[in-house]
Amino acid sequence: MWTVATYVLKKRLGGNKRYPLVLMLEPLFRCNLACAGCGKVQYPPHILKKQLSPEECFAAVDECGVPMVSIPVRASVASQIVEIVNG
């Protein structure tokens, strides 16, 4: 709670009216959905099998600088999800 409050206070005092609060981290390119209008299912299998390494995930979090990171449930099939979550 204090992490979020401190982050928001720093942004407000810095004059920022808009800033990110949560990073939606998607370590996998694939998904198990077939949503209308989504083009993911049309990609070739070698593209759909791509996933971010733990280092790439950590770099994304550092670059964004947000106090909270959300990882969708479907990412639990990622081979290195435990390392990503613990990192």
PDB file of N, CA and C in Angstrom:
ATOM      1  N   MET A   1       0.821  -1.186   0.000  1.00  0.00           N
ATOM      2  CA  MET A   1       0.000   0.000   0.000  1.00  0.00           C
ATOM      3  C   MET A   1       0.867   1.253   0.000  1.00  0.00           C
ATOM      4  N   TRP A   2       1.896   1.281   0.837  1.00  0.00           N
ATOM      5  CA  TRP A   2       2.748   2.457   0.884  1.00  0.00           C
ATOM      6  C   TRP A   2       3.517   2.645  -0.410  1.00  0.00           C
ATOM      7  N   THR A   3       3.857   1.544  -1.062  1.00  0.00           N
ATOM      8  CA  THR A   3       4.580   1.645  -2.325  1.00  0.00           C
ATOM      9  C   THR A   3       3.736   2.396  -3.354  1.00  0.00           C
ATOM     10  N   VAL A   4       2.470   2.035  -3.448  1.00  0.00           N
ATOM     11  CA  VAL A   4       1.570   2.681  -4.405  1.00  0.00           C
ATOM     12  C   VAL A   4       1.335   4.141  -4.013  1.00  0.00           C
ATOM     13  N   ALA A   5       1.090   4.381  -2.742  1.00  0.00           N
ATOM     14  CA  ALA A   5       0.843   5.751  -2.281  1.00  0.00           C
ATOM     15  C   ALA A   5       2.060   6.644  -2.526  1.00  0.00           C
ATOM     16  N   THR A   6       3.239   6.137  -2.252  1.00  0.00           N
ATOM     17  CA  THR A   6       4.464   6.906  -2.481  1.00  0.00           C
ATOM     18  C   THR A   6       4.651   7.199  -3.960  1.00  0.00           C
ATOM     19  N   TYR A   7       4.400   6.188  -4.791  1.00  0.00           N
ATOM     20  CA  TYR A   7       4.525   6.345  -6.244  1.00  0.00           C
ATOM     21  C   TYR A   7       3.572   7.428  -6.754  1.00  0.00           C
ATOM     22  N   VAL A   8       2.311   7.348  -6.345  1.00  0.00           N
ATOM     23  CA  VAL A   8       1.307   8.323  -6.794  1.00  0.00           C
ATOM     24  C   VAL A   8       1.666   9.728  -6.310  1.00  0.00           C
ATOM     25  N   LEU A   9       2.079   9.835  -5.071  1.00  0.00           N
ATOM     26  CA  LEU A   9       2.457  11.140  -4.517  1.00  0.00           C
ATOM     27  C   LEU A   9       3.624  11.753  -5.284  1.00  0.00           C
ATOM     28  N   LYS A  10       4.638  10.955  -5.597  1.00  0.00           N
ATOM     29  CA  LYS A  10       5.780  11.454  -6.370  1.00  0.00           C
ATOM     30  C   LYS A  10       5.348  11.929  -7.752  1.00  0.00           C
ATOM     31  N   LYS A  11       4.468  11.167  -8.380  1.00  0.00           N
ATOM     32  CA  LYS A  11       3.999  11.556  -9.723  1.00  0.00           C
ATOM     33  C   LYS A  11       3.194  12.854  -9.659  1.00  0.00           C
ATOM     34  N   ARG A  12       2.318  12.961  -8.663  1.00  0.00           N
ATOM     35  CA  ARG A  12       1.489  14.161  -8.524  1.00  0.00           C
ATOM     36  C   ARG A  12       2.342  15.389  -8.213  1.00  0.00           C
ATOM     37  N   LEU A  13       3.273  15.243  -7.275  1.00  0.00           N
ATOM     38  CA  LEU A  13       4.135  16.371  -6.925  1.00  0.00           C
ATOM     39  C   LEU A  13       5.066  16.744  -8.070  1.00  0.00           C
ATOM     40  N   GLY A  14       5.358  15.762  -8.934  1.00  0.00           N
ATOM     41  CA  GLY A  14       6.190  16.032 -10.102  1.00  0.00           C
ATOM     42  C   GLY A  14       5.425  16.683 -11.245  1.00  0.00           C
ATOM     43  N   GLY A  15       4.122  16.889 -11.055  1.00  0.00           N
ATOM     44  CA  GLY A  15       3.319  17.559 -12.078  1.00  0.00           C
ATOM     45  C   GLY A  15       2.754  16.632 -13.128  1.00  0.00           C
ATOM     46  N   ASN A  16       2.895  15.322 -12.948  1.00  0.00           N
ATOM     47  CA  ASN A  16       2.347  14.366 -13.916  1.00  0.00           C
ATOM     48  C   ASN A  16       0.861  14.157 -13.654  1.00  0.00           C
ATOM     49  N   LYS A  17       0.053  14.415 -14.652  1.00  0.00           N
ATOM     50  CA  LYS A  17      -1.381  14.196 -14.507  1.00  0.00           C
ATOM     51  C   LYS A  17      -1.761  12.764 -14.867  1.00  0.00           C
ATOM     52  N   ARG A  18      -0.992  12.156 -15.743  1.00  0.00           N
ATOM     53  CA  ARG A  18      -1.274  10.786 -16.175  1.00  0.00           C
ATOM     54  C   ARG A  18       0.000   9.955 -16.063  1.00  0.00           C
ATOM     55  N   TYR A  19      -0.152   8.784 -15.505  1.00  0.00           N
ATOM     56  CA  TYR A  19       0.989   7.893 -15.313  1.00  0.00           C
ATOM     57  C   TYR A  19       0.460   6.470 -15.132  1.00  0.00           C
ATOM     58  N   PRO A  20       1.258   5.481 -15.482  1.00  0.00           N
ATOM     59  CA  PRO A  20       0.805   4.086 -15.340  1.00  0.00           C
ATOM     60  C   PRO A  20       0.834   3.647 -13.881  1.00  0.00           C
ATOM     61  N   LEU A  21      -0.123   2.814 -13.510  1.00  0.00           N
ATOM     62  CA  LEU A  21      -0.145   2.239 -12.170  1.00  0.00           C
ATOM     63  C   LEU A  21       0.159   0.741 -12.184  1.00  0.00           C
ATOM     64  N   VAL A  22      -0.268   0.065 -13.248  1.00  0.00           N
ATOM     65  CA  VAL A  22      -0.118  -1.387 -13.324  1.00  0.00           C
ATOM     66  C   VAL A  22       0.452  -1.771 -14.682  1.00  0.00           C
ATOM     67  N   LEU A  23       1.404  -2.676 -14.676  1.00  0.00           N
ATOM     68  CA  LEU A  23       1.942  -3.248 -15.914  1.00  0.00           C
ATOM     69  C   LEU A  23       1.293  -4.602 -16.117  1.00  0.00           C
ATOM     70  N   MET A  24       0.631  -4.796 -17.233  1.00  0.00           N
ATOM     71  CA  MET A  24       0.076  -6.102 -17.597  1.00  0.00           C
ATOM     72  C   MET A  24       1.170  -6.858 -18.336  1.00  0.00           C
ATOM     73  N   LEU A  25       1.840  -7.734 -17.646  1.00  0.00           N
ATOM     74  CA  LEU A  25       2.969  -8.467 -18.203  1.00  0.00           C
ATOM     75  C   LEU A  25       2.483  -9.749 -18.868  1.00  0.00           C
ATOM     76  N   GLU A  26       2.724  -9.859 -20.162  1.00  0.00           N
ATOM     77  CA  GLU A  26       2.316 -11.027 -20.947  1.00  0.00           C
ATOM     78  C   GLU A  26       3.568 -11.758 -21.416  1.00  0.00           C
ATOM     79  N   PRO A  27       4.084 -12.707 -20.635  1.00  0.00           N
ATOM     80  CA  PRO A  27       5.313 -13.388 -21.045  1.00  0.00           C
ATOM     81  C   PRO A  27       5.136 -14.327 -22.231  1.00  0.00           C
ATOM     82  N   LEU A  28       3.902 -14.702 -22.546  1.00  0.00           N
ATOM     83  CA  LEU A  28       3.634 -15.598 -23.678  1.00  0.00           C
ATOM     84  C   LEU A  28       2.971 -14.836 -24.809  1.00  0.00           C
ATOM     85  N   PHE A  29       3.291 -15.221 -26.038  1.00  0.00           N
ATOM     86  CA  PHE A  29       2.613 -14.618 -27.184  1.00  0.00           C
ATOM     87  C   PHE A  29       1.308 -15.343 -27.461  1.00  0.00           C
ATOM     88  N   ARG A  30       1.285 -16.632 -27.163  1.00  0.00           N
ATOM     89  CA  ARG A  30       0.090 -17.430 -27.464  1.00  0.00           C
ATOM     90  C   ARG A  30      -0.967 -17.227 -26.388  1.00  0.00           C
ATOM     91  N   CYS A  31      -2.176 -17.630 -26.726  1.00  0.00           N
ATOM     92  CA  CYS A  31      -3.258 -17.638 -25.749  1.00  0.00           C
ATOM     93  C   CYS A  31      -4.191 -18.786 -26.089  1.00  0.00           C
ATOM     94  N   ASN A  32      -5.107 -19.077 -25.196  1.00  0.00           N
ATOM     95  CA  ASN A  32      -6.034 -20.177 -25.418  1.00  0.00           C
ATOM     96  C   ASN A  32      -7.408 -19.685 -25.868  1.00  0.00           C
ATOM     97  N   LEU A  33      -7.487 -18.445 -26.245  1.00  0.00           N
ATOM     98  CA  LEU A  33      -8.754 -17.863 -26.655  1.00  0.00           C
ATOM     99  C   LEU A  33      -8.815 -17.720 -28.175  1.00  0.00           C
ATOM    100  N   ALA A  34     -10.008 -17.606 -28.690  1.00  0.00           N
ATOM    101  CA  ALA A  34     -10.214 -17.347 -30.110  1.00  0.00           C
ATOM    102  C   ALA A  34     -11.188 -16.182 -30.235  1.00  0.00           C
ATOM    103  N   CYS A  35     -10.785 -15.043 -29.735  1.00  0.00           N
ATOM    104  CA  CYS A  35     -11.644 -13.858 -29.713  1.00  0.00           C
ATOM    105  C   CYS A  35     -11.909 -13.348 -31.130  1.00  0.00           C
ATOM    106  N   ALA A  36     -13.119 -12.922 -31.358  1.00  0.00           N
ATOM    107  CA  ALA A  36     -13.471 -12.345 -32.655  1.00  0.00           C
ATOM    108  C   ALA A  36     -12.664 -11.072 -32.852  1.00  0.00           C
ATOM    109  N   GLY A  37     -12.068 -10.935 -34.002  1.00  0.00           N
ATOM    110  CA  GLY A  37     -11.301  -9.742 -34.304  1.00  0.00           C
ATOM    111  C   GLY A  37      -9.836  -9.828 -33.912  1.00  0.00           C
ATOM    112  N   CYS A  38      -9.453 -10.857 -33.198  1.00  0.00           N
ATOM    113  CA  CYS A  38      -8.057 -11.020 -32.799  1.00  0.00           C
ATOM    114  C   CYS A  38      -7.319 -11.806 -33.880  1.00  0.00           C
ATOM    115  N   GLY A  39      -6.161 -11.316 -34.255  1.00  0.00           N
ATOM    116  CA  GLY A  39      -5.408 -11.975 -35.310  1.00  0.00           C
ATOM    117  C   GLY A  39      -4.356 -12.946 -34.813  1.00  0.00           C
ATOM    118  N   LYS A  40      -4.233 -13.130 -33.498  1.00  0.00           N
ATOM    119  CA  LYS A  40      -3.186 -14.003 -32.962  1.00  0.00           C
ATOM    120  C   LYS A  40      -3.275 -15.426 -33.490  1.00  0.00           C
ATOM    121  N   VAL A  41      -4.477 -15.949 -33.612  1.00  0.00           N
ATOM    122  CA  VAL A  41      -4.624 -17.346 -34.022  1.00  0.00           C
ATOM    123  C   VAL A  41      -4.177 -17.568 -35.464  1.00  0.00           C
ATOM    124  N   GLN A  42      -3.974 -16.507 -36.216  1.00  0.00           N
ATOM    125  CA  GLN A  42      -3.562 -16.628 -37.605  1.00  0.00           C
ATOM    126  C   GLN A  42      -2.051 -16.670 -37.766  1.00  0.00           C
ATOM    127  N   TYR A  43      -1.305 -16.446 -36.686  1.00  0.00           N
ATOM    128  CA  TYR A  43       0.152 -16.491 -36.765  1.00  0.00           C
ATOM    129  C   TYR A  43       0.632 -17.928 -36.901  1.00  0.00           C
ATOM    130  N   PRO A  44       1.768 -18.125 -37.556  1.00  0.00           N
ATOM    131  CA  PRO A  44       2.317 -19.478 -37.664  1.00  0.00           C
ATOM    132  C   PRO A  44       2.755 -20.002 -36.290  1.00  0.00           C
ATOM    133  N   PRO A  45       2.779 -21.330 -36.126  1.00  0.00           N
ATOM    134  CA  PRO A  45       3.105 -21.926 -34.820  1.00  0.00           C
ATOM    135  C   PRO A  45       4.439 -21.473 -34.228  1.00  0.00           C
ATOM    136  N   HIS A  46       5.466 -21.256 -35.060  1.00  0.00           N
ATOM    137  CA  HIS A  46       6.763 -20.860 -34.503  1.00  0.00           C
ATOM    138  C   HIS A  46       6.713 -19.466 -33.868  1.00  0.00           C
ATOM    139  N   ILE A  47       5.816 -18.628 -34.329  1.00  0.00           N
ATOM    140  CA  ILE A  47       5.627 -17.306 -33.729  1.00  0.00           C
ATOM    141  C   ILE A  47       4.821 -17.432 -32.431  1.00  0.00           C
ATOM    142  N   LEU A  48       3.781 -18.262 -32.452  1.00  0.00           N
ATOM    143  CA  LEU A  48       2.935 -18.427 -31.277  1.00  0.00           C
ATOM    144  C   LEU A  48       3.669 -19.072 -30.107  1.00  0.00           C
ATOM    145  N   LYS A  49       4.754 -19.767 -30.374  1.00  0.00           N
ATOM    146  CA  LYS A  49       5.518 -20.426 -29.304  1.00  0.00           C
ATOM    147  C   LYS A  49       6.527 -19.499 -28.629  1.00  0.00           C
ATOM    148  N   LYS A  50       6.652 -18.278 -29.103  1.00  0.00           N
ATOM    149  CA  LYS A  50       7.613 -17.336 -28.511  1.00  0.00           C
ATOM    150  C   LYS A  50       7.167 -16.940 -27.105  1.00  0.00           C
ATOM    151  N   GLN A  51       8.164 -16.743 -26.243  1.00  0.00           N
ATOM    152  CA  GLN A  51       7.874 -16.232 -24.900  1.00  0.00           C
ATOM    153  C   GLN A  51       9.055 -15.415 -24.419  1.00  0.00           C
ATOM    154  N   LEU A  52       8.771 -14.496 -23.507  1.00  0.00           N
ATOM    155  CA  LEU A  52       9.814 -13.648 -22.945  1.00  0.00           C
ATOM    156  C   LEU A  52      10.616 -14.426 -21.910  1.00  0.00           C
ATOM    157  N   SER A  53      11.892 -14.164 -21.869  1.00  0.00           N
ATOM    158  CA  SER A  53      12.742 -14.751 -20.838  1.00  0.00           C
ATOM    159  C   SER A  53      12.504 -13.990 -19.534  1.00  0.00           C
ATOM    160  N   PRO A  54      12.887 -14.575 -18.405  1.00  0.00           N
ATOM    161  CA  PRO A  54      12.748 -13.827 -17.152  1.00  0.00           C
ATOM    162  C   PRO A  54      13.481 -12.483 -17.193  1.00  0.00           C
ATOM    163  N   GLU A  55      14.653 -12.448 -17.805  1.00  0.00           N
ATOM    164  CA  GLU A  55      15.418 -11.198 -17.892  1.00  0.00           C
ATOM    165  C   GLU A  55      14.661 -10.141 -18.682  1.00  0.00           C
ATOM    166  N   GLU A  56      13.998 -10.552 -19.775  1.00  0.00           N
ATOM    167  CA  GLU A  56      13.210  -9.607 -20.570  1.00  0.00           C
ATOM    168  C   GLU A  56      12.012  -9.091 -19.770  1.00  0.00           C
ATOM    169  N   CYS A  57      11.413  -9.966 -18.970  1.00  0.00           N
ATOM    170  CA  CYS A  57      10.289  -9.545 -18.125  1.00  0.00           C
ATOM    171  C   CYS A  57      10.754  -8.537 -17.080  1.00  0.00           C
ATOM    172  N   PHE A  58      11.893  -8.814 -16.430  1.00  0.00           N
ATOM    173  CA  PHE A  58      12.418  -7.900 -15.417  1.00  0.00           C
ATOM    174  C   PHE A  58      12.767  -6.551 -16.038  1.00  0.00           C
ATOM    175  N   ALA A  59      13.337  -6.571 -17.247  1.00  0.00           N
ATOM    176  CA  ALA A  59      13.689  -5.325 -17.935  1.00  0.00           C
ATOM    177  C   ALA A  59      12.435  -4.506 -18.251  1.00  0.00           C
ATOM    178  N   ALA A  60      11.347  -5.180 -18.639  1.00  0.00           N
ATOM    179  CA  ALA A  60      10.093  -4.479 -18.934  1.00  0.00           C
ATOM    180  C   ALA A  60       9.541  -3.807 -17.684  1.00  0.00           C
ATOM    181  N   VAL A  61       9.616  -4.510 -16.555  1.00  0.00           N
ATOM    182  CA  VAL A  61       9.134  -3.941 -15.293  1.00  0.00           C
ATOM    183  C   VAL A  61       9.986  -2.732 -14.905  1.00  0.00           C
ATOM    184  N   ASP A  62      11.307  -2.871 -15.022  1.00  0.00           N
ATOM    185  CA  ASP A  62      12.205  -1.754 -14.682  1.00  0.00           C
ATOM    186  C   ASP A  62      11.976  -0.556 -15.583  1.00  0.00           C
ATOM    187  N   GLU A  63      11.780  -0.814 -16.877  1.00  0.00           N
ATOM    188  CA  GLU A  63      11.564   0.279 -17.833  1.00  0.00           C
ATOM    189  C   GLU A  63      10.265   1.021 -17.550  1.00  0.00           C
ATOM    190  N   CYS A  64       9.234   0.286 -17.199  1.00  0.00           N
ATOM    191  CA  CYS A  64       7.930   0.893 -16.950  1.00  0.00           C
ATOM    192  C   CYS A  64       7.916   1.655 -15.624  1.00  0.00           C
ATOM    193  N   GLY A  65       8.550   1.090 -14.604  1.00  0.00           N
ATOM    194  CA  GLY A  65       8.649   1.771 -13.326  1.00  0.00           C
ATOM    195  C   GLY A  65       7.388   1.809 -12.487  1.00  0.00           C
ATOM    196  N   VAL A  66       6.434   0.943 -12.770  1.00  0.00           N
ATOM    197  CA  VAL A  66       5.172   0.950 -12.024  1.00  0.00           C
ATOM    198  C   VAL A  66       5.301   0.191 -10.703  1.00  0.00           C
ATOM    199  N   PRO A  67       4.417   0.497  -9.737  1.00  0.00           N
ATOM    200  CA  PRO A  67       4.491  -0.198  -8.453  1.00  0.00           C
ATOM    201  C   PRO A  67       3.833  -1.579  -8.436  1.00  0.00           C
ATOM    202  N   MET A  68       3.006  -1.887  -9.447  1.00  0.00           N
ATOM    203  CA  MET A  68       2.296  -3.171  -9.482  1.00  0.00           C
ATOM    204  C   MET A  68       2.448  -3.831 -10.849  1.00  0.00           C
ATOM    205  N   VAL A  69       2.568  -5.146 -10.828  1.00  0.00           N
ATOM    206  CA  VAL A  69       2.651  -5.925 -12.066  1.00  0.00           C
ATOM    207  C   VAL A  69       1.586  -7.005 -12.011  1.00  0.00           C
ATOM    208  N   SER A  70       0.809  -7.124 -13.078  1.00  0.00           N
ATOM    209  CA  SER A  70      -0.230  -8.136 -13.178  1.00  0.00           C
ATOM    210  C   SER A  70       0.163  -9.125 -14.270  1.00  0.00           C
ATOM    211  N   ILE A  71       0.087 -10.409 -13.925  1.00  0.00           N
ATOM    212  CA  ILE A  71       0.399 -11.465 -14.892  1.00  0.00           C
ATOM    213  C   ILE A  71      -0.865 -12.304 -15.064  1.00  0.00           C
ATOM    214  N   PRO A  72      -1.387 -12.425 -16.290  1.00  0.00           N
ATOM    215  CA  PRO A  72      -2.623 -13.185 -16.493  1.00  0.00           C
ATOM    216  C   PRO A  72      -2.442 -14.672 -16.174  1.00  0.00           C
ATOM    217  N   VAL A  73      -3.535 -15.313 -15.817  1.00  0.00           N
ATOM    218  CA  VAL A  73      -3.512 -16.726 -15.453  1.00  0.00           C
ATOM    219  C   VAL A  73      -2.978 -17.596 -16.579  1.00  0.00           C
ATOM    220  N   ARG A  74      -3.297 -17.267 -17.807  1.00  0.00           N
ATOM    221  CA  ARG A  74      -2.837 -18.109 -18.913  1.00  0.00           C
ATOM    222  C   ARG A  74      -1.312 -18.130 -19.027  1.00  0.00           C
ATOM    223  N   ALA A  75      -0.642 -17.176 -18.399  1.00  0.00           N
ATOM    224  CA  ALA A  75       0.817 -17.164 -18.404  1.00  0.00           C
ATOM    225  C   ALA A  75       1.394 -18.243 -17.500  1.00  0.00           C
ATOM    226  N   SER A  76       0.531 -18.878 -16.695  1.00  0.00           N
ATOM    227  CA  SER A  76       1.017 -19.913 -15.787  1.00  0.00           C
ATOM    228  C   SER A  76       1.572 -21.124 -16.521  1.00  0.00           C
ATOM    229  N   VAL A  77       1.327 -21.217 -17.813  1.00  0.00           N
ATOM    230  CA  VAL A  77       1.896 -22.324 -18.593  1.00  0.00           C
ATOM    231  C   VAL A  77       3.301 -21.999 -19.095  1.00  0.00           C
ATOM    232  N   ALA A  78       3.765 -20.804 -18.856  1.00  0.00           N
ATOM    233  CA  ALA A  78       5.119 -20.432 -19.270  1.00  0.00           C
ATOM    234  C   ALA A  78       6.123 -21.301 -18.523  1.00  0.00           C
ATOM    235  N   SER A  79       7.152 -21.730 -19.221  1.00  0.00           N
ATOM    236  CA  SER A  79       8.112 -22.665 -18.636  1.00  0.00           C
ATOM    237  C   SER A  79       8.876 -22.069 -17.459  1.00  0.00           C
ATOM    238  N   GLN A  80       9.040 -20.765 -17.424  1.00  0.00           N
ATOM    239  CA  GLN A  80       9.813 -20.129 -16.354  1.00  0.00           C
ATOM    240  C   GLN A  80       8.958 -19.205 -15.504  1.00  0.00           C
ATOM    241  N   ILE A  81       7.681 -19.525 -15.363  1.00  0.00           N
ATOM    242  CA  ILE A  81       6.761 -18.625 -14.658  1.00  0.00           C
ATOM    243  C   ILE A  81       7.136 -18.467 -13.186  1.00  0.00           C
ATOM    244  N   VAL A  82       7.619 -19.516 -12.549  1.00  0.00           N
ATOM    245  CA  VAL A  82       7.991 -19.414 -11.132  1.00  0.00           C
ATOM    246  C   VAL A  82       9.115 -18.403 -10.939  1.00  0.00           C
ATOM    247  N   GLU A  83      10.114 -18.461 -11.806  1.00  0.00           N
ATOM    248  CA  GLU A  83      11.228 -17.511 -11.725  1.00  0.00           C
ATOM    249  C   GLU A  83      10.758 -16.089 -11.990  1.00  0.00           C
ATOM    250  N   ILE A  84       9.832 -15.917 -12.942  1.00  0.00           N
ATOM    251  CA  ILE A  84       9.311 -14.582 -13.270  1.00  0.00           C
ATOM    252  C   ILE A  84       8.519 -14.024 -12.087  1.00  0.00           C
ATOM    253  N   VAL A  85       7.660 -14.835 -11.499  1.00  0.00           N
ATOM    254  CA  VAL A  85       6.840 -14.367 -10.383  1.00  0.00           C
ATOM    255  C   VAL A  85       7.706 -14.058  -9.163  1.00  0.00           C
ATOM    256  N   ASN A  86       8.684 -14.896  -8.887  1.00  0.00           N
ATOM    257  CA  ASN A  86       9.551 -14.660  -7.725  1.00  0.00           C
ATOM    258  C   ASN A  86      10.515 -13.511  -7.922  1.00  0.00           C
ATOM    259  N   GLY A  87      10.792 -13.154  -9.190  1.00  0.00           N
ATOM    260  CA  GLY A  87      11.741 -12.080  -9.478  1.00  0.00           C
ATOM    261  C   GLY A  87      11.189 -10.763  -9.162  1.00  0.00           C
TER     262      GLY A  87
END
